[in-house]
N, C-alpha and C. Protein backbone atom coordinates (compact mmCIF):
# COMPACT_ATOMS: atom_id res chain seq x y z
N MET A 1 -5.58 -3.14 -12.77
CA MET A 1 -6.02 -2.82 -11.44
C MET A 1 -6.01 -1.31 -11.21
N HIS A 2 -5.10 -0.61 -11.84
CA HIS A 2 -5.03 0.83 -11.65
C HIS A 2 -6.36 1.50 -12.02
N LYS A 3 -6.99 1.01 -13.07
CA LYS A 3 -8.24 1.60 -13.54
C LYS A 3 -9.41 1.32 -12.59
N ALA A 4 -9.29 0.33 -11.75
CA ALA A 4 -10.38 -0.06 -10.85
C ALA A 4 -10.29 0.60 -9.48
N LEU A 5 -9.33 1.48 -9.28
CA LEU A 5 -9.12 2.06 -7.95
C LEU A 5 -10.32 2.82 -7.39
N ASP A 6 -11.11 3.41 -8.25
CA ASP A 6 -12.27 4.16 -7.77
C ASP A 6 -13.47 3.25 -7.49
N LYS A 7 -13.28 1.96 -7.71
CA LYS A 7 -14.37 1.00 -7.49
C LYS A 7 -13.88 -0.15 -6.61
N PRO A 8 -13.92 0.03 -5.29
CA PRO A 8 -13.42 -1.02 -4.39
C PRO A 8 -14.06 -2.40 -4.64
N GLY A 9 -15.30 -2.41 -5.07
CA GLY A 9 -15.95 -3.70 -5.38
C GLY A 9 -15.27 -4.39 -6.54
N SER A 10 -14.87 -3.62 -7.54
CA SER A 10 -14.15 -4.19 -8.69
C SER A 10 -12.78 -4.69 -8.28
N LEU A 11 -12.10 -3.92 -7.44
CA LEU A 11 -10.80 -4.37 -6.93
C LEU A 11 -10.92 -5.69 -6.19
N SER A 12 -11.95 -5.76 -5.37
CA SER A 12 -12.19 -6.98 -4.60
C SER A 12 -12.43 -8.16 -5.53
N ALA A 13 -13.22 -7.95 -6.58
CA ALA A 13 -13.51 -9.02 -7.53
C ALA A 13 -12.25 -9.46 -8.26
N ILE A 14 -11.44 -8.49 -8.71
CA ILE A 14 -10.21 -8.81 -9.45
C ILE A 14 -9.25 -9.60 -8.57
N LEU A 15 -8.97 -9.08 -7.39
CA LEU A 15 -8.03 -9.77 -6.50
C LEU A 15 -8.60 -11.11 -6.03
N GLY A 16 -9.90 -11.16 -5.81
CA GLY A 16 -10.53 -12.39 -5.36
C GLY A 16 -10.44 -13.51 -6.38
N LEU A 17 -10.32 -13.17 -7.65
CA LEU A 17 -10.20 -14.19 -8.69
C LEU A 17 -8.80 -14.79 -8.76
N LEU A 18 -7.84 -14.07 -8.24
CA LEU A 18 -6.45 -14.54 -8.28
C LEU A 18 -6.18 -15.50 -7.13
N PRO A 19 -5.34 -16.51 -7.36
CA PRO A 19 -4.92 -17.33 -6.23
C PRO A 19 -4.20 -16.44 -5.22
N GLU A 20 -4.36 -16.75 -3.95
CA GLU A 20 -3.79 -15.92 -2.89
C GLU A 20 -2.31 -15.63 -3.09
N GLN A 21 -1.55 -16.62 -3.53
CA GLN A 21 -0.10 -16.44 -3.67
C GLN A 21 0.26 -15.51 -4.83
N ASP A 22 -0.68 -15.22 -5.75
CA ASP A 22 -0.39 -14.33 -6.88
C ASP A 22 -0.84 -12.89 -6.64
N ARG A 23 -1.53 -12.64 -5.57
CA ARG A 23 -2.08 -11.30 -5.32
C ARG A 23 -1.01 -10.25 -5.10
N ILE A 24 0.09 -10.62 -4.45
CA ILE A 24 1.15 -9.65 -4.18
C ILE A 24 1.73 -9.13 -5.50
N GLU A 25 1.89 -10.01 -6.48
CA GLU A 25 2.44 -9.57 -7.77
C GLU A 25 1.48 -8.61 -8.48
N ALA A 26 0.19 -8.86 -8.35
CA ALA A 26 -0.81 -7.96 -8.95
C ALA A 26 -0.75 -6.58 -8.29
N VAL A 27 -0.55 -6.55 -6.99
CA VAL A 27 -0.49 -5.30 -6.25
C VAL A 27 0.80 -4.55 -6.56
N LYS A 28 1.87 -5.28 -6.85
CA LYS A 28 3.16 -4.65 -7.17
C LYS A 28 3.25 -4.24 -8.64
N ALA A 29 2.27 -4.63 -9.45
CA ALA A 29 2.29 -4.29 -10.87
C ALA A 29 2.29 -2.77 -11.04
N THR A 30 3.04 -2.30 -12.02
CA THR A 30 3.17 -0.86 -12.22
C THR A 30 2.46 -0.42 -13.50
N ASP A 31 2.22 0.87 -13.58
CA ASP A 31 1.62 1.44 -14.78
C ASP A 31 2.73 1.98 -15.69
N GLN A 32 2.36 2.77 -16.70
CA GLN A 32 3.35 3.30 -17.64
C GLN A 32 4.34 4.26 -16.99
N PHE A 33 4.02 4.74 -15.78
CA PHE A 33 4.92 5.64 -15.05
C PHE A 33 5.71 4.89 -13.98
N SER A 34 5.63 3.57 -14.01
CA SER A 34 6.34 2.68 -13.07
C SER A 34 5.87 2.85 -11.63
N ARG A 35 4.62 3.27 -11.45
CA ARG A 35 4.07 3.41 -10.10
C ARG A 35 3.15 2.24 -9.80
N PRO A 36 3.36 1.58 -8.67
CA PRO A 36 2.51 0.46 -8.28
C PRO A 36 1.10 0.92 -7.91
N VAL A 37 0.15 0.02 -8.07
CA VAL A 37 -1.25 0.33 -7.79
C VAL A 37 -1.46 0.76 -6.34
N LEU A 38 -0.73 0.19 -5.43
CA LEU A 38 -0.91 0.52 -4.01
C LEU A 38 -0.56 1.99 -3.73
N HIS A 39 0.39 2.54 -4.48
CA HIS A 39 0.77 3.94 -4.31
C HIS A 39 -0.41 4.86 -4.71
N TYR A 40 -1.05 4.51 -5.80
CA TYR A 40 -2.22 5.29 -6.22
C TYR A 40 -3.35 5.16 -5.21
N ALA A 41 -3.55 3.96 -4.71
CA ALA A 41 -4.62 3.75 -3.73
C ALA A 41 -4.37 4.55 -2.47
N ALA A 42 -3.12 4.68 -2.06
CA ALA A 42 -2.78 5.41 -0.83
C ALA A 42 -3.08 6.90 -0.95
N GLN A 43 -3.00 7.44 -2.14
CA GLN A 43 -3.26 8.88 -2.30
C GLN A 43 -4.70 9.15 -2.73
N ASN A 44 -5.47 8.11 -2.97
CA ASN A 44 -6.87 8.26 -3.33
C ASN A 44 -7.64 8.85 -2.15
N PRO A 45 -8.48 9.86 -2.36
CA PRO A 45 -9.24 10.45 -1.25
C PRO A 45 -10.15 9.45 -0.53
N ASN A 46 -10.52 8.38 -1.22
CA ASN A 46 -11.35 7.34 -0.60
C ASN A 46 -10.44 6.21 -0.13
N PRO A 47 -10.27 6.01 1.17
CA PRO A 47 -9.35 4.99 1.66
C PRO A 47 -9.87 3.55 1.47
N GLU A 48 -11.09 3.41 1.00
CA GLU A 48 -11.67 2.07 0.86
C GLU A 48 -10.89 1.19 -0.13
N SER A 49 -10.39 1.78 -1.20
CA SER A 49 -9.61 1.00 -2.17
C SER A 49 -8.35 0.45 -1.54
N LEU A 50 -7.66 1.28 -0.80
CA LEU A 50 -6.44 0.84 -0.13
C LEU A 50 -6.75 -0.28 0.87
N ARG A 51 -7.78 -0.08 1.66
CA ARG A 51 -8.17 -1.11 2.65
C ARG A 51 -8.54 -2.41 1.95
N THR A 52 -9.28 -2.31 0.85
CA THR A 52 -9.70 -3.50 0.11
C THR A 52 -8.49 -4.29 -0.36
N ILE A 53 -7.53 -3.59 -0.96
CA ILE A 53 -6.33 -4.26 -1.46
C ILE A 53 -5.57 -4.93 -0.32
N LEU A 54 -5.32 -4.19 0.74
CA LEU A 54 -4.53 -4.74 1.85
C LEU A 54 -5.25 -5.89 2.55
N GLU A 55 -6.56 -5.81 2.68
CA GLU A 55 -7.31 -6.88 3.34
C GLU A 55 -7.33 -8.16 2.52
N LEU A 56 -7.24 -8.04 1.20
CA LEU A 56 -7.27 -9.23 0.35
C LEU A 56 -5.90 -9.86 0.16
N LEU A 57 -4.86 -9.17 0.58
CA LEU A 57 -3.52 -9.76 0.53
C LEU A 57 -3.35 -10.69 1.72
N PRO A 58 -2.67 -11.80 1.52
CA PRO A 58 -2.34 -12.63 2.68
C PRO A 58 -1.52 -11.80 3.67
N GLU A 59 -1.71 -12.04 4.95
CA GLU A 59 -1.03 -11.25 5.98
C GLU A 59 0.48 -11.25 5.79
N LYS A 60 1.03 -12.37 5.34
CA LYS A 60 2.48 -12.47 5.16
C LYS A 60 2.99 -11.51 4.08
N ASP A 61 2.11 -11.00 3.21
CA ASP A 61 2.51 -10.10 2.13
C ASP A 61 2.31 -8.62 2.45
N HIS A 62 1.73 -8.31 3.59
CA HIS A 62 1.47 -6.91 3.93
C HIS A 62 2.74 -6.08 3.94
N ILE A 63 3.75 -6.56 4.63
CA ILE A 63 5.01 -5.80 4.75
C ILE A 63 5.63 -5.59 3.38
N GLU A 64 5.70 -6.66 2.59
CA GLU A 64 6.30 -6.56 1.26
C GLU A 64 5.54 -5.53 0.41
N ALA A 65 4.22 -5.54 0.49
CA ALA A 65 3.40 -4.62 -0.32
C ALA A 65 3.67 -3.17 0.04
N VAL A 66 3.75 -2.87 1.31
CA VAL A 66 3.94 -1.46 1.69
C VAL A 66 5.39 -1.01 1.60
N LYS A 67 6.31 -1.92 1.38
CA LYS A 67 7.71 -1.55 1.22
C LYS A 67 8.13 -1.37 -0.24
N VAL A 68 7.23 -1.67 -1.18
CA VAL A 68 7.54 -1.50 -2.60
C VAL A 68 7.79 -0.01 -2.86
N LYS A 69 8.82 0.26 -3.63
CA LYS A 69 9.18 1.65 -3.94
C LYS A 69 8.80 2.00 -5.38
N ASP A 70 8.50 3.27 -5.58
CA ASP A 70 8.28 3.76 -6.94
C ASP A 70 9.66 4.13 -7.51
N PRO A 71 9.73 4.61 -8.75
CA PRO A 71 11.04 4.93 -9.35
C PRO A 71 11.83 5.99 -8.59
N TYR A 72 11.17 6.76 -7.74
CA TYR A 72 11.84 7.82 -6.98
C TYR A 72 12.21 7.37 -5.57
N GLY A 73 11.98 6.10 -5.27
CA GLY A 73 12.33 5.58 -3.96
C GLY A 73 11.26 5.78 -2.90
N HIS A 74 10.08 6.23 -3.30
CA HIS A 74 9.00 6.47 -2.34
C HIS A 74 8.17 5.22 -2.14
N ARG A 75 7.89 4.94 -0.88
CA ARG A 75 7.03 3.82 -0.53
C ARG A 75 5.59 4.29 -0.42
N VAL A 76 4.69 3.35 -0.29
CA VAL A 76 3.26 3.67 -0.20
C VAL A 76 2.98 4.60 0.98
N LEU A 77 3.75 4.48 2.04
CA LEU A 77 3.56 5.34 3.20
C LEU A 77 3.79 6.81 2.85
N HIS A 78 4.74 7.08 1.95
CA HIS A 78 4.98 8.46 1.51
C HIS A 78 3.71 9.03 0.87
N TYR A 79 3.09 8.23 0.01
CA TYR A 79 1.89 8.70 -0.69
C TYR A 79 0.74 8.92 0.28
N ALA A 80 0.59 8.03 1.23
CA ALA A 80 -0.49 8.19 2.22
C ALA A 80 -0.25 9.42 3.09
N ALA A 81 1.00 9.66 3.44
CA ALA A 81 1.32 10.82 4.27
C ALA A 81 1.08 12.12 3.51
N ARG A 82 1.36 12.11 2.21
CA ARG A 82 1.14 13.31 1.40
C ARG A 82 -0.34 13.58 1.17
N ALA A 83 -1.15 12.56 1.21
CA ALA A 83 -2.60 12.72 1.01
C ALA A 83 -3.22 13.13 2.33
N ALA A 84 -2.76 14.24 2.85
CA ALA A 84 -3.15 14.70 4.19
C ALA A 84 -4.64 14.96 4.33
N GLN A 85 -5.34 15.15 3.22
CA GLN A 85 -6.76 15.39 3.32
C GLN A 85 -7.51 14.15 3.81
N ASN A 86 -6.85 13.01 3.79
CA ASN A 86 -7.50 11.80 4.25
C ASN A 86 -6.50 10.93 5.03
N PRO A 87 -6.40 11.14 6.32
CA PRO A 87 -5.45 10.35 7.12
C PRO A 87 -5.86 8.89 7.30
N ASP A 88 -7.06 8.52 6.83
CA ASP A 88 -7.50 7.13 6.97
C ASP A 88 -6.59 6.16 6.21
N SER A 89 -6.06 6.58 5.08
CA SER A 89 -5.16 5.71 4.32
C SER A 89 -3.89 5.44 5.12
N LEU A 90 -3.37 6.48 5.73
CA LEU A 90 -2.17 6.33 6.55
C LEU A 90 -2.45 5.37 7.71
N ARG A 91 -3.58 5.55 8.37
CA ARG A 91 -3.95 4.65 9.47
C ARG A 91 -4.11 3.21 8.99
N ALA A 92 -4.71 3.04 7.81
CA ALA A 92 -4.95 1.69 7.28
C ALA A 92 -3.63 0.96 7.05
N ILE A 93 -2.64 1.67 6.54
CA ILE A 93 -1.32 1.06 6.29
C ILE A 93 -0.66 0.71 7.62
N LEU A 94 -0.60 1.68 8.50
CA LEU A 94 0.08 1.46 9.78
C LEU A 94 -0.60 0.38 10.62
N LYS A 95 -1.91 0.30 10.55
CA LYS A 95 -2.66 -0.69 11.33
C LYS A 95 -2.30 -2.12 10.94
N LEU A 96 -1.98 -2.33 9.68
CA LEU A 96 -1.68 -3.68 9.21
C LEU A 96 -0.24 -4.12 9.50
N LEU A 97 0.59 -3.19 9.86
CA LEU A 97 1.99 -3.52 10.13
C LEU A 97 2.17 -3.97 11.57
N PRO A 98 3.06 -4.93 11.79
CA PRO A 98 3.41 -5.28 13.17
C PRO A 98 4.02 -4.05 13.86
N GLU A 99 3.95 -4.00 15.17
CA GLU A 99 4.37 -2.80 15.92
C GLU A 99 5.78 -2.34 15.55
N GLN A 100 6.74 -3.25 15.51
CA GLN A 100 8.12 -2.85 15.21
C GLN A 100 8.23 -2.25 13.81
N ASP A 101 7.52 -2.83 12.85
CA ASP A 101 7.55 -2.29 11.49
C ASP A 101 6.86 -0.92 11.43
N ARG A 102 5.83 -0.73 12.25
CA ARG A 102 5.15 0.56 12.33
C ARG A 102 6.12 1.63 12.81
N ILE A 103 6.86 1.30 13.87
CA ILE A 103 7.82 2.24 14.43
C ILE A 103 8.89 2.58 13.39
N GLU A 104 9.41 1.55 12.71
CA GLU A 104 10.44 1.78 11.69
C GLU A 104 9.90 2.61 10.53
N ALA A 105 8.67 2.35 10.12
CA ALA A 105 8.07 3.10 9.01
C ALA A 105 7.93 4.58 9.36
N VAL A 106 7.49 4.85 10.56
CA VAL A 106 7.34 6.24 10.99
C VAL A 106 8.71 6.90 11.08
N LYS A 107 9.70 6.18 11.62
CA LYS A 107 11.05 6.75 11.71
C LYS A 107 11.60 7.05 10.32
N ARG A 108 11.40 6.14 9.38
CA ARG A 108 11.88 6.37 8.01
C ARG A 108 11.19 7.60 7.41
N GLN A 109 9.88 7.69 7.63
CA GLN A 109 9.12 8.83 7.08
C GLN A 109 9.63 10.15 7.66
N LEU A 110 10.01 10.12 8.93
CA LEU A 110 10.52 11.32 9.59
C LEU A 110 12.02 11.49 9.41
N ARG A 111 12.62 10.54 8.68
CA ARG A 111 14.06 10.53 8.41
C ARG A 111 14.89 10.45 9.70
N LEU A 112 14.39 9.63 10.63
CA LEU A 112 15.12 9.36 11.87
C LEU A 112 15.96 8.11 11.68
N PRO A 113 17.03 7.93 12.45
CA PRO A 113 17.86 6.73 12.32
C PRO A 113 17.05 5.46 12.59
N VAL A 114 17.27 4.44 11.76
CA VAL A 114 16.59 3.16 11.90
C VAL A 114 17.65 2.09 11.99
N ASP A 115 17.47 1.16 12.93
CA ASP A 115 18.39 0.03 13.08
C ASP A 115 18.02 -1.01 12.04
N ASP A 116 18.85 -1.18 11.01
CA ASP A 116 18.56 -2.12 9.93
C ASP A 116 19.10 -3.52 10.19
N ASN A 117 19.53 -3.81 11.39
CA ASN A 117 20.08 -5.15 11.69
C ASN A 117 19.02 -6.19 11.73
């Protein structure tokens, strides 16, 4: 999937072939640097790949997908925030999260206290 990031149509075809319950594992798959595909999609200048991946995941898997960490503890939101040349990726991630998770994600990104209860 990492190789298909520049081709949203290919991503759609690959994920579409998988049973819905297996798509989250495909999205969490890592490359030789232990980085998940969603992290690469978030920093891609074209936000279409990220949107394609997130839209093809079952809604129940959205939170799990964006909370996956790379080996350095960075979530997909970190990568989208760093890709400042294209804020659409950041918006795409935040739009899919429920309001409370959106607030917590922004607080974590800003290193503000978060109630983990």
